[in-house]
Amino acid sequence: MAKHTSLNHRMGVVLSDVHVPFQDESICRMALAFIREHRPATVHLLGDIADFYSISRFTKDPARKEDLQEDLDATLEFLSEVRDAAPGARVMFSEGNHEFRLRRYLASEAKALAMLRDLRLERLLDFESLKIRFQPQDRPYRVGSLLFTHGQLVRKWSAASARGHFERFGGCVIHGHSHRLGSFYHRDIHDTYAAWENGCLCNLNPDYVTAPDWQHGWSIVWSHGDYFHVEQVAVVKGRYNYHGKVYGRRRLSPTAHFEVEDIGV
């Protein structure tokens, strides 16, 4: 008879690419409600939780308000909501390329301030009191045989970025960064491997790109020693299914900042 091992106490939820203050509020509420209901042992925040728009290198929209302190306050509020939803969980925070904007800005534009402890991301977002463990951008971490990282590349089509990260790291990996959901599997003479890209919780219609190929969602990782199992939750038109139960409310169409004009022939 097959041996059954319960993994309930080994559940982890993976969130990434919230891009506060450009998050999708309804999707964030769904993700937090999921955490609250299922009580994972670990919450993995795989980067780009904050956007740091005001210190990006890109040309800014002159009509958009820039207030770094307000954006930090909103990010801290989101992290506090994660902690409230999972009071007993271990929370991991991987620095994404958007959070790295802070270190890059200080190093290039404010060198005299770069070494101030109170300007580090960990201090600004109060990781100590929230009991959040911080992982710098260049330090992915592993749980069993699954590597967790924000991500370093984006390729076209779902799962292509996951494949790229498998090729880069040479093993099983889950990452954010691409804003897509997808899974990639590969078998060689030694073993079977897999990689996942985690989706996003941000607005799917930002004002700097038209109709991006992004998907809302998150992942669940069940682990026991070196064994793990990944499930992905895809939010489609405001709803998702998890273990036979439908959550959310149907959206007729996404709200976009652009309109398609039919000018005839």
Protein backbone atom coordinates (compact mmCIF):
# COMPACT_ATOMS: atom_id res chain seq x y z
CA MET A 1 0.00 0.00 0.00
CA ALA A 2 1.30 3.46 -0.90
CA LYS A 3 2.45 5.60 1.99
CA HIS A 4 0.65 8.95 2.31
CA THR A 5 2.41 11.97 3.80
CA SER A 6 0.42 15.00 4.93
CA LEU A 7 1.90 18.27 3.70
CA ASN A 8 -0.60 20.64 5.31
CA HIS A 9 2.01 22.12 7.66
CA ARG A 10 4.45 22.52 4.76
CA MET A 11 2.36 24.85 2.62
CA GLY A 12 3.92 27.99 1.15
CA VAL A 13 2.21 30.76 -0.83
CA VAL A 14 4.23 32.68 -3.40
CA LEU A 15 3.30 36.28 -4.30
CA SER A 16 5.25 38.61 -6.56
CA ASP A 17 5.12 41.74 -8.70
CA VAL A 18 2.60 43.78 -6.74
CA HIS A 19 4.27 47.04 -7.78
CA VAL A 20 2.74 49.18 -5.05
CA PRO A 21 1.25 51.79 -5.65
CA PHE A 22 0.22 50.26 -8.98
CA GLN A 23 -1.32 47.13 -7.48
CA ASP A 24 -4.70 45.74 -8.47
CA GLU A 25 -6.59 46.22 -5.21
CA SER A 26 -9.17 43.51 -5.83
CA ILE A 27 -6.54 40.91 -6.76
CA CYS A 28 -4.49 41.79 -3.68
CA ARG A 29 -7.57 41.33 -1.50
CA MET A 30 -8.13 37.92 -3.07
CA ALA A 31 -4.53 36.86 -2.45
CA LEU A 32 -4.63 38.05 1.17
CA ALA A 33 -7.97 36.29 1.73
CA PHE A 34 -6.42 33.10 0.30
CA ILE A 35 -3.55 33.35 2.78
CA ARG A 36 -5.93 34.05 5.64
CA GLU A 37 -8.09 31.04 4.78
CA HIS A 38 -5.33 28.50 4.11
CA ARG A 39 -2.79 29.61 6.75
CA PRO A 40 0.47 28.73 4.98
CA ALA A 41 3.61 27.99 6.95
CA THR A 42 5.61 30.33 4.68
CA VAL A 43 4.78 33.33 2.52
CA HIS A 44 7.33 33.97 -0.22
CA LEU A 45 7.34 37.56 -1.54
CA LEU A 46 9.39 37.19 -4.70
CA GLY A 47 10.20 40.80 -5.39
CA ASP A 48 8.85 43.94 -7.03
CA ILE A 49 6.43 44.32 -4.16
CA ALA A 50 7.23 48.05 -4.34
CA ASP A 51 7.63 49.88 -7.64
CA PHE A 52 9.91 52.82 -6.69
CA TYR A 53 8.61 54.73 -9.70
CA SER A 54 9.95 58.12 -8.61
CA ILE A 55 13.60 56.95 -8.69
CA SER A 56 13.41 54.88 -11.88
CA ARG A 57 15.53 55.77 -14.89
CA PHE A 58 12.54 55.93 -17.20
CA THR A 59 10.93 59.14 -18.43
CA LYS A 60 8.19 60.05 -15.97
CA ASP A 61 4.64 61.06 -16.78
CA PRO A 62 4.51 64.77 -15.80
CA ALA A 63 0.86 64.38 -14.79
CA ARG A 64 1.62 61.65 -12.27
CA LYS A 65 2.20 62.54 -8.66
CA GLU A 66 5.57 61.41 -7.34
CA ASP A 67 5.79 60.87 -3.59
CA LEU A 68 8.33 58.26 -2.51
CA GLN A 69 7.33 58.43 1.15
CA GLU A 70 3.68 57.89 0.27
CA ASP A 71 4.64 54.88 -1.87
CA LEU A 72 6.76 53.45 0.96
CA ASP A 73 3.86 53.92 3.36
CA ALA A 74 1.54 52.06 0.97
CA THR A 75 4.07 49.22 0.62
CA LEU A 76 4.43 48.99 4.39
CA GLU A 77 0.64 48.80 4.66
CA PHE A 78 0.58 45.89 2.20
CA LEU A 79 3.32 44.06 4.12
CA SER A 80 1.43 44.62 7.36
CA GLU A 81 -1.66 43.10 5.74
CA VAL A 82 0.39 40.06 4.72
CA ARG A 83 1.62 39.68 8.28
CA ASP A 84 -1.91 40.11 9.67
CA ALA A 85 -3.18 37.44 7.25
CA ALA A 86 -0.41 35.02 8.27
CA PRO A 87 0.56 35.91 11.86
CA GLY A 88 2.48 32.71 12.52
CA ALA A 89 4.08 32.23 9.11
CA ARG A 90 7.67 32.70 8.08
CA VAL A 91 7.72 35.57 5.56
CA MET A 92 10.54 35.81 3.02
CA PHE A 93 11.12 38.95 0.94
CA SER A 94 13.31 38.70 -2.17
CA GLU A 95 14.59 42.01 -3.48
CA GLY A 96 13.36 42.55 -7.04
CA ASN A 97 14.80 44.81 -9.72
CA HIS A 98 12.32 47.54 -8.75
CA GLU A 99 13.37 47.49 -5.09
CA PHE A 100 16.98 47.48 -6.29
CA ARG A 101 16.27 50.91 -7.77
CA LEU A 102 16.79 52.31 -4.27
CA ARG A 103 20.32 50.94 -3.89
CA ARG A 104 21.19 51.95 -7.45
CA TYR A 105 19.85 55.48 -6.95
CA LEU A 106 21.79 55.98 -3.73
CA ALA A 107 24.98 54.64 -5.29
CA SER A 108 24.72 56.87 -8.36
CA GLU A 109 22.89 60.00 -7.19
CA ALA A 110 23.52 60.20 -3.44
CA LYS A 111 26.78 58.40 -2.71
CA ALA A 112 27.30 60.21 0.56
CA LEU A 113 24.04 58.72 1.85
CA ALA A 114 24.41 55.21 0.40
CA MET A 115 25.78 53.64 3.59
CA LEU A 116 23.21 55.09 5.99
CA ARG A 117 21.52 52.16 7.74
CA ASP A 118 18.17 53.93 7.95
CA LEU A 119 18.01 54.22 4.15
CA ARG A 120 18.24 50.48 3.61
CA LEU A 121 15.12 48.78 2.35
CA GLU A 122 14.93 46.61 5.47
CA ARG A 123 14.70 49.71 7.69
CA LEU A 124 12.37 51.72 5.44
CA LEU A 125 9.89 48.84 5.32
CA ASP A 126 10.30 47.84 8.96
CA PHE A 127 11.19 44.20 8.29
CA GLU A 128 12.43 43.67 11.84
CA SER A 129 9.13 44.46 13.56
CA LEU A 130 7.15 42.61 10.87
CA LYS A 131 9.49 39.61 11.25
CA ILE A 132 10.26 39.47 7.54
CA ARG A 133 13.48 37.88 6.33
CA PHE A 134 15.17 39.87 3.55
CA GLN A 135 17.05 38.29 0.64
CA PRO A 136 19.09 40.69 -1.53
CA GLN A 137 18.64 40.58 -5.29
CA ASP A 138 21.78 38.55 -5.92
CA ARG A 139 20.98 35.89 -3.29
CA PRO A 140 18.26 33.41 -4.32
CA TYR A 141 17.38 30.79 -1.72
CA ARG A 142 16.37 27.14 -1.81
CA VAL A 143 13.72 25.19 0.07
CA GLY A 144 14.49 21.52 -0.43
CA SER A 145 15.35 21.23 -4.11
CA LEU A 146 13.30 24.24 -5.30
CA LEU A 147 15.08 27.55 -5.86
CA PHE A 148 13.22 30.81 -5.15
CA THR A 149 14.26 34.07 -6.86
CA HIS A 150 12.71 37.22 -8.24
CA GLY A 151 14.02 36.51 -11.72
CA GLN A 152 16.52 37.93 -14.17
CA LEU A 153 15.05 37.58 -17.64
CA VAL A 154 11.80 37.83 -19.60
CA ARG A 155 11.05 35.87 -22.74
CA LYS A 156 8.05 35.85 -25.04
CA TRP A 157 5.11 33.54 -24.23
CA SER A 158 4.03 31.82 -21.05
CA ALA A 159 6.57 29.34 -19.60
CA ALA A 160 9.39 30.57 -21.85
CA SER A 161 10.82 32.69 -19.04
CA ALA A 162 10.53 29.72 -16.69
CA ARG A 163 12.53 27.67 -19.17
CA GLY A 164 15.13 30.44 -19.36
CA HIS A 165 15.57 30.42 -15.60
CA PHE A 166 15.85 26.63 -15.57
CA GLU A 167 18.60 26.91 -18.18
CA ARG A 168 20.35 29.63 -16.18
CA PHE A 169 20.23 27.92 -12.78
CA GLY A 170 20.32 24.29 -13.93
CA GLY A 171 17.58 23.04 -11.63
CA CYS A 172 14.03 23.48 -10.36
CA VAL A 173 13.13 27.15 -9.84
CA ILE A 174 10.16 29.42 -9.23
CA HIS A 175 10.42 33.12 -10.06
CA GLY A 176 8.52 36.35 -10.60
CA HIS A 177 9.60 39.29 -12.81
CA SER A 178 7.83 38.24 -16.02
CA HIS A 179 4.29 39.00 -14.75
CA ARG A 180 3.17 35.76 -16.37
CA LEU A 181 1.97 32.39 -15.16
CA GLY A 182 3.56 29.31 -16.66
CA SER A 183 5.26 26.00 -16.02
CA PHE A 184 8.08 24.23 -17.85
CA TYR A 185 9.15 20.60 -17.50
CA HIS A 186 12.30 18.86 -18.69
CA ARG A 187 13.58 15.32 -18.32
CA ASP A 188 17.10 14.11 -18.97
CA ILE A 189 18.81 10.79 -18.28
CA HIS A 190 19.13 11.64 -14.58
CA ASP A 191 15.84 13.16 -13.47
CA THR A 192 12.79 15.30 -14.20
CA TYR A 193 13.00 19.03 -13.59
CA ALA A 194 10.48 21.87 -13.58
CA ALA A 195 10.32 25.65 -13.43
CA TRP A 196 7.49 28.09 -12.83
CA GLU A 197 6.84 31.79 -13.39
CA ASN A 198 4.54 33.17 -10.76
CA GLY A 199 2.17 35.77 -12.25
CA CYS A 200 1.53 39.21 -10.77
CA LEU A 201 -0.83 41.22 -8.55
CA CYS A 202 -0.34 44.57 -10.29
CA ASN A 203 -2.59 46.51 -12.63
CA LEU A 204 -2.67 44.70 -15.99
CA ASN A 205 -3.11 47.94 -17.92
CA PRO A 206 -0.31 50.34 -16.96
CA ASP A 207 0.00 53.63 -18.78
CA TYR A 208 3.43 52.85 -20.23
CA VAL A 209 2.50 49.81 -22.35
CA THR A 210 -0.59 48.75 -24.30
CA ALA A 211 -2.23 45.39 -23.54
CA PRO A 212 0.78 43.57 -22.03
CA ASP A 213 0.76 39.77 -21.99
CA TRP A 214 0.52 39.52 -18.19
CA GLN A 215 -1.58 37.29 -15.95
CA HIS A 216 -2.86 37.69 -12.41
CA GLY A 217 -2.16 34.86 -10.02
CA TRP A 218 0.08 33.25 -7.45
CA SER A 219 1.52 29.84 -6.58
CA ILE A 220 1.29 27.32 -3.77
CA VAL A 221 4.31 25.18 -2.91
CA TRP A 222 3.88 22.03 -0.83
CA SER A 223 7.17 20.68 0.49
CA HIS A 224 8.47 17.78 2.52
CA GLY A 225 12.22 17.36 2.63
CA ASP A 226 13.50 17.29 -0.94
CA TYR A 227 10.02 16.62 -2.30
CA PHE A 228 7.85 19.52 -3.42
CA HIS A 229 4.70 20.10 -5.43
CA VAL A 230 3.65 23.39 -7.06
CA GLU A 231 0.09 24.47 -7.81
CA GLN A 232 -0.67 27.68 -9.65
CA VAL A 233 -3.73 29.87 -9.13
CA ALA A 234 -4.75 31.81 -12.25
CA VAL A 235 -7.22 34.65 -11.73
CA VAL A 236 -9.22 34.95 -14.96
CA LYS A 237 -11.81 37.74 -15.30
CA GLY A 238 -11.87 38.21 -11.55
CA ARG A 239 -12.33 34.58 -10.52
CA TYR A 240 -10.22 31.53 -9.75
CA ASN A 241 -10.77 27.90 -8.81
CA TYR A 242 -8.91 26.18 -6.01
CA HIS A 243 -9.60 22.55 -5.18
CA GLY A 244 -13.05 22.65 -6.73
CA LYS A 245 -14.22 25.90 -5.12
CA VAL A 246 -14.72 29.08 -7.16
CA TYR A 247 -13.62 32.38 -5.59
CA GLY A 248 -14.09 35.98 -6.69
CA ARG A 249 -16.59 37.87 -8.80
CA ARG A 250 -16.79 37.85 -12.56
CA ARG A 251 -15.41 40.81 -14.45
CA LEU A 252 -16.95 41.51 -17.83
CA SER A 253 -13.80 43.16 -19.12
CA PRO A 254 -10.63 44.63 -17.66
CA THR A 255 -10.44 48.37 -17.14
CA ALA A 256 -7.92 49.80 -19.57
CA HIS A 257 -6.34 53.23 -19.94
CA PHE A 258 -6.69 53.02 -23.70
CA GLU A 259 -9.52 52.60 -26.16
CA VAL A 260 -9.43 50.90 -29.54
CA GLU A 261 -10.89 53.19 -32.20
CA ASP A 262 -12.59 51.67 -35.24
CA ILE A 263 -12.06 54.09 -38.12
CA GLY A 264 -13.60 51.86 -40.80
CA VAL A 265 -12.11 50.99 -44.18
